[in-house]
N, C-alpha and C. Protein backbone atom coordinates (compact mmCIF):
# COMPACT_ATOMS: atom_id res chain seq x y z
N MET A 1 -18.67 10.39 -18.68
CA MET A 1 -20.09 10.21 -17.93
C MET A 1 -19.80 10.68 -16.46
N PRO A 2 -19.68 11.90 -16.20
CA PRO A 2 -19.60 12.25 -14.68
C PRO A 2 -20.69 11.92 -13.88
N ILE A 3 -20.46 11.46 -12.70
CA ILE A 3 -21.47 11.06 -11.69
C ILE A 3 -21.20 11.81 -10.46
N LEU A 4 -22.37 12.53 -10.20
CA LEU A 4 -22.34 13.44 -9.04
C LEU A 4 -23.25 13.02 -7.82
N ARG A 5 -22.89 13.09 -6.68
CA ARG A 5 -23.67 12.70 -5.56
C ARG A 5 -23.52 13.84 -4.50
N VAL A 6 -24.73 14.39 -4.07
CA VAL A 6 -24.61 15.47 -3.17
C VAL A 6 -25.47 14.97 -2.07
N VAL A 7 -24.83 15.00 -0.84
CA VAL A 7 -25.51 14.54 0.36
C VAL A 7 -25.60 15.70 1.40
N THR A 8 -26.72 16.02 1.82
CA THR A 8 -26.91 17.15 2.71
C THR A 8 -27.82 16.91 3.84
N ASN A 9 -27.71 17.63 4.83
CA ASN A 9 -28.62 17.57 6.09
C ASN A 9 -29.62 18.56 5.82
N LEU A 10 -29.65 19.32 4.87
CA LEU A 10 -30.90 20.21 4.57
C LEU A 10 -31.97 19.40 4.09
N THR A 11 -33.23 20.00 4.37
CA THR A 11 -34.36 19.30 3.92
C THR A 11 -34.63 19.50 2.44
N ALA A 12 -35.44 18.59 1.80
CA ALA A 12 -35.60 18.68 0.40
C ALA A 12 -36.22 20.09 -0.01
N ARG A 13 -37.18 20.71 0.90
CA ARG A 13 -37.59 21.96 0.62
C ARG A 13 -36.55 23.12 0.65
N GLN A 14 -35.47 22.90 1.29
CA GLN A 14 -34.45 23.88 1.39
C GLN A 14 -33.59 23.91 0.09
N VAL A 15 -33.69 22.86 -0.71
CA VAL A 15 -32.95 22.85 -1.89
C VAL A 15 -33.65 23.36 -3.02
N PRO A 16 -33.12 24.41 -3.73
CA PRO A 16 -33.97 24.93 -4.84
C PRO A 16 -34.16 23.92 -6.01
N VAL A 17 -35.25 24.12 -6.68
CA VAL A 17 -35.64 23.12 -7.55
C VAL A 17 -34.59 23.00 -8.82
N ASP A 18 -33.96 24.06 -9.09
CA ASP A 18 -33.03 24.07 -10.04
C ASP A 18 -31.57 23.69 -9.88
N PHE A 19 -31.38 23.11 -8.68
CA PHE A 19 -30.10 22.71 -8.08
C PHE A 19 -29.52 21.56 -8.94
N GLU A 20 -30.54 20.48 -9.03
CA GLU A 20 -29.97 19.31 -9.75
C GLU A 20 -29.66 19.56 -11.28
N THR A 21 -30.23 20.51 -11.90
CA THR A 21 -29.91 20.88 -13.25
C THR A 21 -28.80 21.92 -13.32
N GLY A 22 -28.67 22.68 -12.32
CA GLY A 22 -27.68 23.71 -12.32
C GLY A 22 -26.15 23.24 -11.99
N LEU A 23 -26.06 22.30 -11.07
CA LEU A 23 -24.71 21.84 -10.67
C LEU A 23 -23.95 21.08 -11.94
N PRO A 24 -24.66 20.27 -12.66
CA PRO A 24 -23.99 19.73 -13.76
C PRO A 24 -23.64 20.77 -14.83
N ARG A 25 -24.42 21.78 -15.04
CA ARG A 25 -24.05 22.82 -15.95
C ARG A 25 -22.69 23.48 -15.55
N VAL A 26 -22.60 23.83 -14.26
CA VAL A 26 -21.41 24.42 -13.82
C VAL A 26 -20.28 23.52 -14.00
N ILE A 27 -20.45 22.30 -13.49
CA ILE A 27 -19.29 21.33 -13.71
C ILE A 27 -18.97 20.92 -15.27
N GLY A 28 -19.97 20.87 -15.85
CA GLY A 28 -19.84 20.56 -17.32
C GLY A 28 -19.10 21.72 -18.10
N ALA A 29 -19.33 22.93 -17.82
CA ALA A 29 -18.56 24.06 -18.32
C ALA A 29 -17.19 24.01 -18.11
N VAL A 30 -16.74 23.59 -16.81
CA VAL A 30 -15.36 23.56 -16.38
C VAL A 30 -14.73 22.23 -17.14
N MET A 31 -15.37 21.02 -17.05
CA MET A 31 -14.82 19.93 -17.64
C MET A 31 -14.97 19.76 -19.08
N ASN A 32 -15.75 20.68 -19.64
CA ASN A 32 -16.00 20.53 -21.11
C ASN A 32 -16.62 19.23 -21.50
N LYS A 33 -17.68 18.88 -20.63
CA LYS A 33 -18.56 17.62 -20.87
C LYS A 33 -19.93 18.07 -21.05
N GLU A 34 -20.65 17.21 -21.90
CA GLU A 34 -22.13 17.49 -22.29
C GLU A 34 -22.97 17.17 -21.11
N ILE A 35 -23.94 18.06 -20.93
CA ILE A 35 -24.92 18.03 -19.74
C ILE A 35 -25.63 16.52 -19.80
N GLY A 36 -26.01 16.11 -20.95
CA GLY A 36 -26.67 14.92 -21.28
C GLY A 36 -25.87 13.59 -20.70
N LYS A 37 -24.53 13.79 -20.46
CA LYS A 37 -23.81 12.67 -19.99
C LYS A 37 -23.78 12.61 -18.43
N PHE A 38 -24.29 13.57 -17.70
CA PHE A 38 -24.19 13.58 -16.28
C PHE A 38 -25.30 12.83 -15.63
N TRP A 39 -24.88 12.18 -14.43
CA TRP A 39 -25.69 11.58 -13.52
C TRP A 39 -25.70 12.38 -12.24
N LEU A 40 -26.75 12.58 -11.64
CA LEU A 40 -26.78 13.42 -10.35
C LEU A 40 -27.74 12.89 -9.35
N GLU A 41 -27.24 12.43 -8.22
CA GLU A 41 -28.03 11.87 -7.19
C GLU A 41 -27.98 12.86 -5.95
N LEU A 42 -29.15 13.30 -5.59
CA LEU A 42 -29.25 14.32 -4.41
C LEU A 42 -29.97 13.64 -3.26
N VAL A 43 -29.28 13.54 -2.18
CA VAL A 43 -29.83 12.89 -0.98
C VAL A 43 -29.89 14.10 0.06
N THR A 44 -31.17 14.26 0.41
CA THR A 44 -31.49 15.41 1.36
C THR A 44 -31.81 14.78 2.75
N ASP A 45 -32.01 15.58 3.79
CA ASP A 45 -32.36 15.13 5.13
C ASP A 45 -31.40 14.01 5.71
N ALA A 46 -30.10 14.06 5.27
CA ALA A 46 -29.20 13.11 5.83
C ALA A 46 -28.83 13.42 7.28
N ARG A 47 -28.54 12.34 7.97
CA ARG A 47 -27.97 12.51 9.37
C ARG A 47 -26.56 12.49 9.16
N MET A 48 -26.09 13.82 9.34
CA MET A 48 -24.58 13.94 9.07
C MET A 48 -24.06 14.93 10.01
N THR A 49 -22.72 14.94 10.35
CA THR A 49 -22.09 15.79 11.06
C THR A 49 -20.83 16.31 10.41
N LEU A 50 -20.42 17.61 10.73
CA LEU A 50 -19.13 18.01 10.20
C LEU A 50 -18.51 18.77 11.34
N GLY A 51 -17.24 18.41 11.80
CA GLY A 51 -16.64 18.90 12.99
C GLY A 51 -17.51 18.92 14.33
N GLY A 52 -18.37 17.77 14.43
CA GLY A 52 -19.05 17.41 15.66
C GLY A 52 -20.40 18.13 15.70
N THR A 53 -20.72 18.91 14.73
CA THR A 53 -22.06 19.66 14.78
C THR A 53 -22.93 19.06 13.69
N ARG A 54 -24.21 19.29 13.85
CA ARG A 54 -25.19 19.18 12.89
C ARG A 54 -25.63 20.36 12.10
N ASP A 55 -24.78 21.36 12.22
CA ASP A 55 -25.15 22.50 11.38
C ASP A 55 -25.18 22.15 9.84
N PRO A 56 -26.03 22.89 9.11
CA PRO A 56 -26.24 22.60 7.71
C PRO A 56 -24.82 22.45 7.08
N ALA A 57 -24.84 21.42 6.18
CA ALA A 57 -23.63 21.03 5.41
C ALA A 57 -23.94 20.26 4.19
N ALA A 58 -22.97 20.15 3.28
CA ALA A 58 -23.16 19.33 2.11
C ALA A 58 -21.85 18.67 1.77
N PHE A 59 -22.04 17.37 1.21
CA PHE A 59 -20.67 16.70 0.88
C PHE A 59 -21.03 16.26 -0.64
N ILE A 60 -20.09 16.70 -1.51
CA ILE A 60 -20.31 16.40 -2.93
C ILE A 60 -19.19 15.40 -3.35
N THR A 61 -19.68 14.28 -4.02
CA THR A 61 -18.77 13.42 -4.66
C THR A 61 -18.74 13.51 -6.14
N VAL A 62 -17.58 13.68 -6.84
CA VAL A 62 -17.47 13.87 -8.23
C VAL A 62 -16.64 12.68 -8.76
N ARG A 63 -17.33 11.82 -9.55
CA ARG A 63 -16.75 10.83 -10.30
C ARG A 63 -16.66 10.97 -11.73
N SER A 64 -15.54 10.85 -12.38
CA SER A 64 -15.48 11.23 -13.77
C SER A 64 -14.20 10.47 -14.39
N ILE A 65 -14.40 10.22 -15.72
CA ILE A 65 -13.30 9.63 -16.43
C ILE A 65 -12.46 10.84 -16.85
N GLY A 66 -11.29 11.03 -16.24
CA GLY A 66 -10.51 12.26 -16.40
C GLY A 66 -11.12 13.48 -15.85
N CYS A 67 -10.52 14.57 -16.13
CA CYS A 67 -11.00 16.02 -15.74
C CYS A 67 -10.91 16.11 -14.20
N VAL A 68 -10.19 15.25 -13.35
CA VAL A 68 -10.06 15.44 -11.88
C VAL A 68 -8.65 15.50 -11.61
N SER A 69 -7.81 15.91 -12.44
CA SER A 69 -6.43 15.91 -12.13
C SER A 69 -5.97 16.96 -11.15
N ALA A 70 -4.78 16.93 -10.64
CA ALA A 70 -4.39 18.12 -9.69
C ALA A 70 -4.35 19.43 -10.26
N LEU A 71 -4.34 19.54 -11.61
CA LEU A 71 -4.47 20.79 -12.34
C LEU A 71 -5.84 21.19 -12.55
N GLU A 72 -6.88 20.34 -12.63
CA GLU A 72 -8.15 20.69 -12.77
C GLU A 72 -9.11 20.91 -11.67
N THR A 73 -8.69 20.15 -10.53
CA THR A 73 -9.57 20.30 -9.32
C THR A 73 -9.61 21.60 -8.51
N PRO A 74 -8.50 22.32 -8.71
CA PRO A 74 -8.64 23.70 -8.03
C PRO A 74 -9.84 24.50 -8.61
N ASN A 75 -9.83 24.61 -9.89
CA ASN A 75 -10.97 25.41 -10.61
C ASN A 75 -12.32 24.70 -10.36
N LEU A 76 -12.36 23.43 -10.37
CA LEU A 76 -13.64 22.72 -10.17
C LEU A 76 -14.10 22.99 -8.70
N THR A 77 -13.19 22.96 -7.84
CA THR A 77 -13.47 23.24 -6.31
C THR A 77 -14.09 24.59 -6.30
N ALA A 78 -13.62 25.54 -6.74
CA ALA A 78 -13.94 26.94 -6.65
C ALA A 78 -15.45 27.08 -7.28
N LYS A 79 -15.57 26.56 -8.38
CA LYS A 79 -16.92 26.64 -8.99
C LYS A 79 -17.96 25.79 -8.35
N ILE A 80 -17.64 24.67 -7.99
CA ILE A 80 -18.56 23.77 -7.24
C ILE A 80 -19.07 24.43 -5.85
N THR A 81 -17.98 24.89 -5.08
CA THR A 81 -18.16 25.43 -3.79
C THR A 81 -19.02 26.81 -3.93
N GLY A 82 -18.72 27.56 -4.95
CA GLY A 82 -19.47 28.89 -5.03
C GLY A 82 -20.94 28.58 -5.44
N PHE A 83 -21.18 27.59 -6.31
CA PHE A 83 -22.46 27.27 -6.76
C PHE A 83 -23.34 26.79 -5.53
N CYS A 84 -22.70 25.87 -4.88
CA CYS A 84 -23.36 25.17 -3.69
C CYS A 84 -23.54 26.24 -2.46
N ALA A 85 -22.63 27.09 -2.28
CA ALA A 85 -22.77 28.13 -1.34
C ALA A 85 -24.04 29.04 -1.60
N GLU A 86 -24.02 29.39 -2.85
CA GLU A 86 -25.12 30.37 -3.19
C GLU A 86 -26.50 29.69 -3.23
N LYS A 87 -26.58 28.57 -3.85
CA LYS A 87 -27.84 27.84 -3.96
C LYS A 87 -28.35 27.20 -2.65
N LEU A 88 -27.43 26.62 -1.83
CA LEU A 88 -27.88 26.02 -0.68
C LEU A 88 -27.64 26.86 0.63
N LYS A 89 -27.23 28.14 0.38
CA LYS A 89 -27.13 29.02 1.40
C LYS A 89 -26.09 28.49 2.58
N LEU A 90 -25.12 27.95 2.20
CA LEU A 90 -24.03 27.36 3.10
C LEU A 90 -22.78 28.08 3.10
N PRO A 91 -22.15 28.33 4.19
CA PRO A 91 -20.72 28.89 4.19
C PRO A 91 -19.78 27.89 3.54
N ASN A 92 -18.82 28.42 2.86
CA ASN A 92 -17.77 27.54 2.22
C ASN A 92 -17.12 26.49 3.06
N ASP A 93 -17.05 26.83 4.28
CA ASP A 93 -16.41 25.74 5.16
C ASP A 93 -17.36 24.61 5.63
N ARG A 94 -18.57 24.76 5.15
CA ARG A 94 -19.40 23.56 5.40
C ARG A 94 -19.80 22.80 4.16
N ILE A 95 -18.90 22.95 3.10
CA ILE A 95 -19.03 22.35 1.89
C ILE A 95 -17.76 21.39 1.52
N GLY A 96 -17.96 20.16 1.38
CA GLY A 96 -16.81 19.23 1.18
C GLY A 96 -16.94 18.50 -0.22
N ILE A 97 -15.84 18.17 -0.80
CA ILE A 97 -15.84 17.70 -2.04
C ILE A 97 -14.83 16.47 -2.11
N HIS A 98 -15.22 15.46 -2.78
CA HIS A 98 -14.37 14.28 -3.00
C HIS A 98 -14.22 13.82 -4.44
N TYR A 99 -13.05 13.89 -4.98
CA TYR A 99 -13.05 13.49 -6.47
C TYR A 99 -12.50 12.11 -6.71
N PHE A 100 -13.17 11.47 -7.76
CA PHE A 100 -12.55 10.20 -7.99
C PHE A 100 -12.33 10.09 -9.55
N ASP A 101 -11.25 9.67 -10.06
CA ASP A 101 -10.95 9.45 -11.50
C ASP A 101 -11.29 8.11 -11.78
N LEU A 102 -12.27 7.93 -12.63
CA LEU A 102 -12.70 6.48 -13.03
C LEU A 102 -11.99 6.05 -14.23
N GLU A 103 -11.85 4.71 -14.24
CA GLU A 103 -11.33 4.01 -15.55
C GLU A 103 -12.49 3.78 -16.40
N PRO A 104 -12.30 3.91 -17.74
CA PRO A 104 -13.45 3.66 -18.63
C PRO A 104 -14.16 2.28 -18.57
N HIS A 105 -13.35 1.28 -18.21
CA HIS A 105 -13.86 -0.05 -18.05
C HIS A 105 -14.75 -0.33 -16.75
N CYS A 106 -14.68 0.67 -15.82
CA CYS A 106 -15.37 0.65 -14.64
C CYS A 106 -16.72 1.33 -14.51
N ILE A 107 -17.30 1.87 -15.65
CA ILE A 107 -18.48 2.41 -15.69
C ILE A 107 -19.23 2.14 -17.05
N ALA A 108 -20.53 1.98 -16.88
CA ALA A 108 -21.30 1.52 -18.11
C ALA A 108 -22.64 2.29 -18.23
N ARG A 109 -23.03 2.36 -19.48
CA ARG A 109 -24.38 2.92 -19.55
C ARG A 109 -24.91 2.46 -21.09
N ALA A 110 -26.25 2.05 -21.06
CA ALA A 110 -26.88 1.45 -22.25
C ALA A 110 -26.25 0.20 -22.65
N GLY A 111 -25.89 -0.59 -21.64
CA GLY A 111 -25.30 -1.91 -21.86
C GLY A 111 -23.96 -2.16 -22.30
N LEU A 112 -23.16 -0.95 -22.32
CA LEU A 112 -21.71 -1.03 -22.66
C LEU A 112 -20.86 -0.29 -21.74
N THR A 113 -19.67 -0.63 -21.58
CA THR A 113 -18.75 0.11 -20.63
C THR A 113 -18.43 1.40 -21.51
N MET A 114 -17.94 2.31 -20.88
CA MET A 114 -17.42 3.49 -21.44
C MET A 114 -16.19 3.10 -22.48
N LYS A 115 -15.44 2.25 -22.05
CA LYS A 115 -14.21 1.74 -22.73
C LYS A 115 -14.83 1.24 -24.13
N GLU A 116 -15.82 0.43 -24.04
CA GLU A 116 -16.47 -0.18 -25.31
C GLU A 116 -17.10 0.94 -26.16
N GLN A 117 -17.78 1.84 -25.56
CA GLN A 117 -18.43 3.03 -26.22
C GLN A 117 -17.39 3.86 -26.95
N PHE A 118 -16.22 4.26 -26.29
CA PHE A 118 -15.08 4.98 -26.80
C PHE A 118 -14.66 4.22 -28.11
N GLU A 119 -14.30 2.89 -27.92
CA GLU A 119 -13.70 2.09 -28.97
C GLU A 119 -14.70 2.10 -30.25
N LYS A 120 -15.95 1.92 -29.86
CA LYS A 120 -17.03 1.87 -30.94
C LYS A 120 -17.18 3.16 -31.76
N SER A 121 -17.06 4.33 -31.02
CA SER A 121 -17.14 5.56 -31.73
C SER A 121 -15.91 5.90 -32.49
N LYS A 122 -14.85 5.18 -32.32
CA LYS A 122 -13.66 5.36 -33.30
C LYS A 122 -13.72 4.66 -34.52
N GLN A 123 -14.67 3.76 -34.57
CA GLN A 123 -14.82 2.80 -35.87
C GLN A 123 -15.49 3.55 -36.90
């Protein structure tokens, strides 16, 4: 269950309406994860700086059970950066990404941890 958080100082109007559905599709294709399992939170109009300036920027947090190893993040980084640069009209150097590899017992949905759901699906 990948969890995405995008924080940007762009206004809500500057973010295309298909951004929230498009980013999980891009990441899902790389991670081989179903779109229906993604959560995405988009925070616009953030008071943020990068390099001491308030020029437009975005910071993306990607949390997932697996799929964020040292072998996988270079491809993910290229795809996420490319998508965000195109959709948000940002230069690559104004886009940051932070990856977190989650343990299945640390995330839950529908009243069960992912660990419990994995174990239940094997029965």
